[in-house]
Amino acid sequence: MTKREFRLQPVLHYKENLVELRKLELAAAQRKLHAGRTILEELKAEERQVARLIREQHEAGELDLAVLGVGRAYLEDLQHRVGGQELTVKELEVAVLERMEALVSAKQEQETLERLKERARAQFNREMLQLEARLVDESATAGFNRRPIDNEE
């Protein structure tokens, strides 16, 4: 029995490679998102700590106006950086979702081609069975035709 190559095999191979690429892109986007969230949490922790220190020193009466002004300015800068980082994290979350959608789409295309390949393989197997059955029938017919006829003797 001969083996026939799936005619869309190069496309299937491309889709398999594309799925792997999309997986790598998703992993990279997830790493960036994790790093962005870590930075955001660090900024928020620093913001809470600075606010707590300003409040404690103000309540104890140990803070003069110049230090209070610098502390408030730094706190406002931290709040601005936190807001910027929150925006960055939201953008990274969108990027992760886009990468997930791209991966799902590529995976669906790959699975579609794999189903086509299986159908082509099944069709090929059916054709080979039909050919084999035809050859057996022809062989049996040829053998029957070669038998001497008992009445002619």
N, C-alpha and C. Protein backbone atom coordinates (compact mmCIF):
# COMPACT_ATOMS: atom_id res chain seq x y z
N MET A 1 0.85 -1.17 0.00
CA MET A 1 0.00 0.00 0.00
C MET A 1 0.90 1.24 0.00
N THR A 2 0.57 2.16 -0.84
CA THR A 2 1.35 3.39 -0.92
C THR A 2 0.88 4.38 0.12
N LYS A 3 1.74 5.29 0.44
CA LYS A 3 1.41 6.32 1.42
C LYS A 3 1.35 7.65 0.69
N ARG A 4 0.24 8.35 0.86
CA ARG A 4 0.05 9.63 0.20
C ARG A 4 0.28 10.74 1.21
N GLU A 5 1.00 11.76 0.81
CA GLU A 5 1.27 12.93 1.66
C GLU A 5 0.04 13.82 1.69
N PHE A 6 -0.30 14.30 2.86
CA PHE A 6 -1.41 15.25 3.02
C PHE A 6 -1.03 16.52 2.28
N ARG A 7 -1.88 16.94 1.36
CA ARG A 7 -1.50 18.06 0.49
C ARG A 7 -1.41 19.39 1.23
N LEU A 8 -2.06 19.50 2.39
CA LEU A 8 -1.98 20.74 3.18
C LEU A 8 -0.99 20.61 4.34
N GLN A 9 -0.11 19.61 4.26
CA GLN A 9 0.85 19.40 5.34
C GLN A 9 1.74 20.62 5.58
N PRO A 10 2.21 21.31 4.55
CA PRO A 10 3.02 22.52 4.82
C PRO A 10 2.22 23.58 5.58
N VAL A 11 0.94 23.70 5.25
CA VAL A 11 0.10 24.68 5.95
C VAL A 11 -0.09 24.23 7.40
N LEU A 12 -0.32 22.94 7.61
CA LEU A 12 -0.47 22.42 8.97
C LEU A 12 0.80 22.65 9.78
N HIS A 13 1.93 22.40 9.14
CA HIS A 13 3.21 22.62 9.83
C HIS A 13 3.36 24.10 10.21
N TYR A 14 2.99 24.98 9.30
CA TYR A 14 3.03 26.42 9.57
C TYR A 14 2.12 26.77 10.75
N LYS A 15 0.92 26.20 10.76
CA LYS A 15 -0.02 26.49 11.86
C LYS A 15 0.50 25.95 13.18
N GLU A 16 1.14 24.81 13.17
CA GLU A 16 1.73 24.26 14.40
C GLU A 16 2.81 25.21 14.93
N ASN A 17 3.65 25.71 14.02
CA ASN A 17 4.68 26.66 14.42
C ASN A 17 4.06 27.97 14.92
N LEU A 18 2.98 28.38 14.27
CA LEU A 18 2.29 29.60 14.68
C LEU A 18 1.70 29.46 16.08
N VAL A 19 1.15 28.29 16.39
CA VAL A 19 0.62 28.04 17.74
C VAL A 19 1.74 28.15 18.77
N GLU A 20 2.88 27.56 18.46
CA GLU A 20 4.02 27.65 19.39
C GLU A 20 4.47 29.10 19.58
N LEU A 21 4.50 29.84 18.48
CA LEU A 21 4.87 31.26 18.57
C LEU A 21 3.87 32.02 19.42
N ARG A 22 2.58 31.76 19.22
CA ARG A 22 1.55 32.45 20.00
C ARG A 22 1.66 32.09 21.48
N LYS A 23 2.03 30.86 21.78
CA LYS A 23 2.23 30.46 23.18
C LYS A 23 3.38 31.26 23.80
N LEU A 24 4.47 31.40 23.03
CA LEU A 24 5.61 32.17 23.53
C LEU A 24 5.24 33.64 23.73
N GLU A 25 4.48 34.20 22.78
CA GLU A 25 4.04 35.59 22.91
C GLU A 25 3.14 35.77 24.13
N LEU A 26 2.25 34.82 24.36
CA LEU A 26 1.38 34.89 25.53
C LEU A 26 2.19 34.82 26.81
N ALA A 27 3.15 33.92 26.85
CA ALA A 27 3.99 33.79 28.04
C ALA A 27 4.77 35.09 28.31
N ALA A 28 5.28 35.70 27.26
CA ALA A 28 6.02 36.96 27.42
C ALA A 28 5.09 38.06 27.92
N ALA A 29 3.88 38.13 27.37
CA ALA A 29 2.91 39.14 27.81
C ALA A 29 2.52 38.91 29.27
N GLN A 30 2.37 37.65 29.66
CA GLN A 30 2.03 37.34 31.05
C GLN A 30 3.17 37.71 32.00
N ARG A 31 4.41 37.50 31.56
CA ARG A 31 5.55 37.90 32.39
C ARG A 31 5.58 39.42 32.56
N LYS A 32 5.32 40.15 31.47
CA LYS A 32 5.29 41.61 31.57
C LYS A 32 4.17 42.07 32.49
N LEU A 33 3.03 41.42 32.40
CA LEU A 33 1.91 41.77 33.26
C LEU A 33 2.26 41.51 34.73
N HIS A 34 2.88 40.38 34.99
CA HIS A 34 3.29 40.06 36.36
C HIS A 34 4.28 41.10 36.88
N ALA A 35 5.24 41.46 36.05
CA ALA A 35 6.23 42.47 36.45
C ALA A 35 5.54 43.82 36.69
N GLY A 36 4.59 44.18 35.83
CA GLY A 36 3.86 45.44 36.00
C GLY A 36 3.05 45.45 37.28
N ARG A 37 2.42 44.34 37.59
CA ARG A 37 1.65 44.24 38.85
C ARG A 37 2.57 44.32 40.06
N THR A 38 3.74 43.71 39.95
CA THR A 38 4.70 43.77 41.06
C THR A 38 5.14 45.20 41.31
N ILE A 39 5.45 45.92 40.25
CA ILE A 39 5.85 47.33 40.38
C ILE A 39 4.71 48.13 41.00
N LEU A 40 3.49 47.88 40.54
CA LEU A 40 2.33 48.60 41.08
C LEU A 40 2.17 48.34 42.57
N GLU A 41 2.31 47.11 42.98
CA GLU A 41 2.18 46.79 44.41
C GLU A 41 3.29 47.44 45.22
N GLU A 42 4.50 47.48 44.66
CA GLU A 42 5.60 48.14 45.37
C GLU A 42 5.34 49.64 45.50
N LEU A 43 4.84 50.26 44.44
CA LEU A 43 4.52 51.70 44.50
C LEU A 43 3.42 51.97 45.52
N LYS A 44 2.40 51.12 45.53
CA LYS A 44 1.30 51.30 46.49
C LYS A 44 1.79 51.12 47.92
N ALA A 45 2.67 50.15 48.13
CA ALA A 45 3.22 49.93 49.47
C ALA A 45 4.04 51.14 49.91
N GLU A 46 4.84 51.68 48.99
CA GLU A 46 5.63 52.87 49.31
C GLU A 46 4.73 54.06 49.58
N GLU A 47 3.66 54.20 48.81
CA GLU A 47 2.70 55.29 49.00
C GLU A 47 2.06 55.19 50.39
N ARG A 48 1.65 53.99 50.78
CA ARG A 48 1.06 53.80 52.12
C ARG A 48 2.07 54.12 53.22
N GLN A 49 3.31 53.69 53.01
CA GLN A 49 4.35 53.92 54.01
C GLN A 49 4.64 55.41 54.17
N VAL A 50 4.76 56.13 53.06
CA VAL A 50 5.03 57.58 53.13
C VAL A 50 3.87 58.30 53.78
N ALA A 51 2.65 57.94 53.42
CA ALA A 51 1.47 58.58 54.02
C ALA A 51 1.43 58.31 55.52
N ARG A 52 1.75 57.08 55.92
CA ARG A 52 1.77 56.73 57.35
C ARG A 52 2.85 57.53 58.09
N LEU A 53 4.04 57.64 57.49
CA LEU A 53 5.13 58.39 58.15
C LEU A 53 4.76 59.87 58.29
N ILE A 54 4.18 60.46 57.26
CA ILE A 54 3.78 61.87 57.34
C ILE A 54 2.74 62.05 58.43
N ARG A 55 1.75 61.16 58.46
CA ARG A 55 0.69 61.25 59.46
C ARG A 55 1.25 61.10 60.87
N GLU A 56 2.14 60.12 61.07
CA GLU A 56 2.71 59.90 62.40
C GLU A 56 3.54 61.09 62.87
N GLN A 57 4.36 61.63 61.98
CA GLN A 57 5.19 62.77 62.37
C GLN A 57 4.34 64.03 62.57
N HIS A 58 3.30 64.18 61.81
CA HIS A 58 2.41 65.33 61.97
C HIS A 58 1.67 65.25 63.31
N GLU A 59 1.20 64.04 63.65
CA GLU A 59 0.49 63.86 64.92
C GLU A 59 1.42 64.05 66.12
N ALA A 60 2.68 63.68 65.97
CA ALA A 60 3.63 63.83 67.06
C ALA A 60 4.15 65.26 67.15
N GLY A 61 3.84 66.07 66.17
CA GLY A 61 4.30 67.45 66.18
C GLY A 61 5.77 67.59 65.83
N GLU A 62 6.37 66.58 65.23
CA GLU A 62 7.79 66.59 64.90
C GLU A 62 8.05 67.07 63.48
N LEU A 63 7.03 67.46 62.77
CA LEU A 63 7.18 67.78 61.35
C LEU A 63 7.01 69.28 61.16
N ASP A 64 8.02 69.90 60.55
CA ASP A 64 7.86 71.32 60.25
C ASP A 64 7.25 71.48 58.87
N LEU A 65 6.90 72.66 58.50
CA LEU A 65 6.19 72.91 57.25
C LEU A 65 7.02 72.55 56.02
N ALA A 66 8.32 72.79 56.05
CA ALA A 66 9.17 72.49 54.89
C ALA A 66 9.21 70.98 54.63
N VAL A 67 9.39 70.21 55.70
CA VAL A 67 9.43 68.75 55.56
C VAL A 67 8.05 68.23 55.15
N LEU A 68 7.00 68.83 55.72
CA LEU A 68 5.64 68.44 55.36
C LEU A 68 5.39 68.71 53.88
N GLY A 69 5.83 69.83 53.36
CA GLY A 69 5.67 70.17 51.95
C GLY A 69 6.41 69.19 51.05
N VAL A 70 7.63 68.85 51.42
CA VAL A 70 8.41 67.88 50.63
C VAL A 70 7.74 66.51 50.68
N GLY A 71 7.28 66.13 51.86
CA GLY A 71 6.60 64.83 52.02
C GLY A 71 5.33 64.76 51.18
N ARG A 72 4.55 65.84 51.22
CA ARG A 72 3.31 65.88 50.43
C ARG A 72 3.63 65.84 48.92
N ALA A 73 4.65 66.56 48.50
CA ALA A 73 5.03 66.56 47.08
C ALA A 73 5.46 65.16 46.65
N TYR A 74 6.23 64.49 47.51
CA TYR A 74 6.66 63.13 47.19
C TYR A 74 5.47 62.19 47.15
N LEU A 75 4.55 62.36 48.08
CA LEU A 75 3.35 61.54 48.12
C LEU A 75 2.51 61.75 46.85
N GLU A 76 2.38 63.00 46.42
CA GLU A 76 1.64 63.28 45.19
C GLU A 76 2.33 62.66 43.98
N ASP A 77 3.66 62.72 43.97
CA ASP A 77 4.41 62.09 42.88
C ASP A 77 4.18 60.58 42.88
N LEU A 78 4.18 59.97 44.06
CA LEU A 78 3.91 58.53 44.15
C LEU A 78 2.51 58.21 43.65
N GLN A 79 1.55 59.04 44.03
CA GLN A 79 0.18 58.82 43.59
C GLN A 79 0.08 58.91 42.06
N HIS A 80 0.79 59.88 41.51
CA HIS A 80 0.82 60.02 40.04
C HIS A 80 1.45 58.78 39.40
N ARG A 81 2.55 58.31 39.98
CA ARG A 81 3.23 57.12 39.45
C ARG A 81 2.34 55.88 39.60
N VAL A 82 1.62 55.80 40.72
CA VAL A 82 0.69 54.67 40.91
C VAL A 82 -0.39 54.70 39.83
N GLY A 83 -0.95 55.88 39.57
CA GLY A 83 -1.96 56.00 38.52
C GLY A 83 -1.42 55.61 37.16
N GLY A 84 -0.21 56.04 36.86
CA GLY A 84 0.42 55.66 35.59
C GLY A 84 0.66 54.16 35.50
N GLN A 85 1.09 53.58 36.61
CA GLN A 85 1.35 52.15 36.62
C GLN A 85 0.05 51.35 36.51
N GLU A 86 -1.02 51.86 37.12
CA GLU A 86 -2.32 51.19 36.99
C GLU A 86 -2.76 51.18 35.53
N LEU A 87 -2.54 52.29 34.84
CA LEU A 87 -2.87 52.36 33.42
C LEU A 87 -2.01 51.37 32.63
N THR A 88 -0.73 51.30 32.96
CA THR A 88 0.17 50.36 32.30
C THR A 88 -0.30 48.92 32.52
N VAL A 89 -0.71 48.60 33.75
CA VAL A 89 -1.18 47.25 34.06
C VAL A 89 -2.44 46.93 33.26
N LYS A 90 -3.34 47.90 33.14
CA LYS A 90 -4.56 47.68 32.34
C LYS A 90 -4.20 47.41 30.88
N GLU A 91 -3.24 48.16 30.34
CA GLU A 91 -2.80 47.94 28.97
C GLU A 91 -2.16 46.56 28.81
N LEU A 92 -1.40 46.15 29.82
CA LEU A 92 -0.77 44.83 29.77
C LEU A 92 -1.83 43.73 29.87
N GLU A 93 -2.87 43.96 30.65
CA GLU A 93 -3.96 42.98 30.74
C GLU A 93 -4.65 42.83 29.38
N VAL A 94 -4.86 43.95 28.70
CA VAL A 94 -5.46 43.91 27.36
C VAL A 94 -4.54 43.15 26.41
N ALA A 95 -3.25 43.41 26.51
CA ALA A 95 -2.28 42.71 25.65
C ALA A 95 -2.32 41.21 25.90
N VAL A 96 -2.44 40.80 27.16
CA VAL A 96 -2.52 39.37 27.48
C VAL A 96 -3.79 38.77 26.87
N LEU A 97 -4.91 39.48 27.01
CA LEU A 97 -6.15 38.99 26.42
C LEU A 97 -6.04 38.86 24.90
N GLU A 98 -5.40 39.84 24.27
CA GLU A 98 -5.21 39.77 22.81
C GLU A 98 -4.35 38.57 22.43
N ARG A 99 -3.31 38.32 23.22
CA ARG A 99 -2.43 37.17 22.94
C ARG A 99 -3.19 35.86 23.14
N MET A 100 -4.05 35.83 24.16
CA MET A 100 -4.86 34.62 24.39
C MET A 100 -5.80 34.38 23.21
N GLU A 101 -6.43 35.43 22.73
CA GLU A 101 -7.34 35.30 21.58
C GLU A 101 -6.58 34.85 20.34
N ALA A 102 -5.39 35.38 20.14
CA ALA A 102 -4.57 34.98 18.99
C ALA A 102 -4.18 33.51 19.10
N LEU A 103 -3.85 33.08 20.31
CA LEU A 103 -3.49 31.67 20.53
C LEU A 103 -4.70 30.77 20.27
N VAL A 104 -5.85 31.15 20.80
CA VAL A 104 -7.06 30.34 20.59
C VAL A 104 -7.38 30.24 19.10
N SER A 105 -7.28 31.35 18.40
CA SER A 105 -7.57 31.37 16.96
C SER A 105 -6.59 30.47 16.20
N ALA A 106 -5.31 30.59 16.51
CA ALA A 106 -4.30 29.77 15.83
C ALA A 106 -4.51 28.29 16.14
N LYS A 107 -4.87 28.00 17.39
CA LYS A 107 -5.11 26.61 17.80
C LYS A 107 -6.32 26.04 17.06
N GLN A 108 -7.37 26.85 16.91
CA GLN A 108 -8.56 26.39 16.19
C GLN A 108 -8.23 26.11 14.72
N GLU A 109 -7.43 26.98 14.11
CA GLU A 109 -7.04 26.76 12.72
C GLU A 109 -6.21 25.48 12.59
N GLN A 110 -5.32 25.25 13.55
CA GLN A 110 -4.50 24.04 13.53
C GLN A 110 -5.39 22.81 13.68
N GLU A 111 -6.34 22.86 14.60
CA GLU A 111 -7.22 21.71 14.82
C GLU A 111 -8.09 21.44 13.59
N THR A 112 -8.51 22.50 12.91
CA THR A 112 -9.29 22.32 11.68
C THR A 112 -8.46 21.58 10.63
N LEU A 113 -7.22 21.99 10.47
CA LEU A 113 -6.35 21.32 9.50
C LEU A 113 -6.06 19.88 9.92
N GLU A 114 -5.93 19.64 11.21
CA GLU A 114 -5.70 18.27 11.68
C GLU A 114 -6.93 17.39 11.39
N ARG A 115 -8.14 17.95 11.54
CA ARG A 115 -9.35 17.19 11.20
C ARG A 115 -9.39 16.90 9.70
N LEU A 116 -9.00 17.90 8.89
CA LEU A 116 -8.94 17.67 7.44
C LEU A 116 -7.93 16.57 7.10
N LYS A 117 -6.82 16.57 7.81
CA LYS A 117 -5.80 15.55 7.57
C LYS A 117 -6.35 14.18 7.92
N GLU A 118 -7.06 14.09 9.03
CA GLU A 118 -7.64 12.80 9.42
C GLU A 118 -8.69 12.34 8.41
N ARG A 119 -9.49 13.27 7.92
CA ARG A 119 -10.48 12.92 6.89
C ARG A 119 -9.79 12.44 5.62
N ALA A 120 -8.72 13.13 5.24
CA ALA A 120 -7.98 12.72 4.04
C ALA A 120 -7.37 11.34 4.23
N ARG A 121 -6.86 11.08 5.43
CA ARG A 121 -6.28 9.77 5.72
C ARG A 121 -7.37 8.69 5.67
N ALA A 122 -8.54 8.98 6.23
CA ALA A 122 -9.63 8.02 6.21
C ALA A 122 -10.09 7.76 4.77
N GLN A 123 -10.19 8.82 3.97
CA GLN A 123 -10.57 8.67 2.57
C GLN A 123 -9.54 7.83 1.83
N PHE A 124 -8.28 8.09 2.07
CA PHE A 124 -7.21 7.31 1.43
C PHE A 124 -7.33 5.83 1.82
N ASN A 125 -7.57 5.58 3.10
CA ASN A 125 -7.71 4.19 3.56
C ASN A 125 -8.91 3.51 2.91
N ARG A 126 -10.03 4.25 2.76
CA ARG A 126 -11.20 3.69 2.08
C ARG A 126 -10.86 3.36 0.62
N GLU A 127 -10.16 4.26 -0.04
CA GLU A 127 -9.77 4.03 -1.43
C GLU A 127 -8.86 2.80 -1.55
N MET A 128 -7.94 2.66 -0.61
CA MET A 128 -7.03 1.52 -0.65
C MET A 128 -7.79 0.22 -0.40
N LEU A 129 -8.77 0.24 0.51
CA LEU A 129 -9.58 -0.96 0.75
C LEU A 129 -10.40 -1.31 -0.48
N GLN A 130 -10.95 -0.30 -1.14
CA GLN A 130 -11.71 -0.56 -2.37
C GLN A 130 -10.81 -1.13 -3.46
N LEU A 131 -9.62 -0.57 -3.58
CA LEU A 131 -8.67 -1.07 -4.57
C LEU A 131 -8.27 -2.51 -4.25
N GLU A 132 -8.03 -2.78 -3.00
CA GLU A 132 -7.65 -4.13 -2.58
C GLU A 132 -8.81 -5.10 -2.87
N ALA A 133 -10.03 -4.68 -2.56
CA ALA A 133 -11.19 -5.54 -2.82
C ALA A 133 -11.34 -5.80 -4.31
N ARG A 134 -11.13 -4.77 -5.13
CA ARG A 134 -11.22 -4.91 -6.57
C ARG A 134 -10.15 -5.88 -7.09
N LEU A 135 -8.93 -5.76 -6.55
CA LEU A 135 -7.86 -6.67 -6.97
C LEU A 135 -8.16 -8.11 -6.58
N VAL A 136 -8.73 -8.29 -5.38
CA VAL A 136 -9.09 -9.64 -4.94
C VAL A 136 -10.18 -10.19 -5.85
N ASP A 137 -11.18 -9.36 -6.17
CA ASP A 137 -12.25 -9.80 -7.06
C ASP A 137 -11.70 -10.17 -8.44
N GLU A 138 -10.83 -9.33 -8.98
CA GLU A 138 -10.25 -9.61 -10.30
C GLU A 138 -9.41 -10.87 -10.26
N SER A 139 -8.69 -11.07 -9.18
CA SER A 139 -7.87 -12.27 -9.04
C SER A 139 -8.75 -13.51 -8.97
N ALA A 140 -9.83 -13.42 -8.21
CA ALA A 140 -10.74 -14.56 -8.10
C ALA A 140 -11.41 -14.84 -9.44
N THR A 141 -11.80 -13.78 -10.14
CA THR A 141 -12.42 -13.95 -11.45
C THR A 141 -11.44 -14.56 -12.43
N ALA A 142 -10.20 -14.08 -12.42
CA ALA A 142 -9.18 -14.63 -13.32
C ALA A 142 -8.90 -16.09 -12.99
N GLY A 143 -8.87 -16.42 -11.73
CA GLY A 143 -8.65 -17.80 -11.32
C GLY A 143 -9.81 -18.68 -11.74
N PHE A 144 -11.01 -18.18 -11.63
CA PHE A 144 -12.19 -18.94 -12.03
C PHE A 144 -12.18 -19.16 -13.53
N ASN A 145 -11.80 -18.13 -14.28
CA ASN A 145 -11.77 -18.25 -15.74
C ASN A 145 -10.67 -19.19 -16.21
N ARG A 146 -9.63 -19.39 -15.46
CA ARG A 146 -8.53 -20.29 -15.85
C ARG A 146 -8.82 -21.74 -15.51
N ARG A 147 -9.80 -21.98 -14.68
CA ARG A 147 -10.12 -23.37 -14.32
C ARG A 147 -10.64 -24.11 -15.55
N PRO A 148 -10.20 -25.33 -15.67
CA PRO A 148 -10.74 -26.09 -16.82
C PRO A 148 -12.22 -26.40 -16.57
N ILE A 149 -12.93 -26.35 -17.61
CA ILE A 149 -14.36 -26.66 -17.52
C ILE A 149 -14.48 -28.18 -17.58
N ASP A 150 -15.17 -28.75 -16.63
CA ASP A 150 -15.29 -30.21 -16.50
C ASP A 150 -16.06 -30.81 -17.67
N ASN A 151 -16.94 -30.08 -18.26
CA ASN A 151 -17.75 -30.61 -19.35
C ASN A 151 -16.97 -30.75 -20.65
N GLU A 152 -15.89 -30.03 -20.84
CA GLU A 152 -15.14 -30.06 -22.08
C GLU A 152 -14.24 -31.29 -22.18
N GLU A 153 -14.04 -31.98 -21.18
CA GLU A 153 -13.11 -33.12 -21.22
C GLU A 153 -13.70 -34.31 -21.81
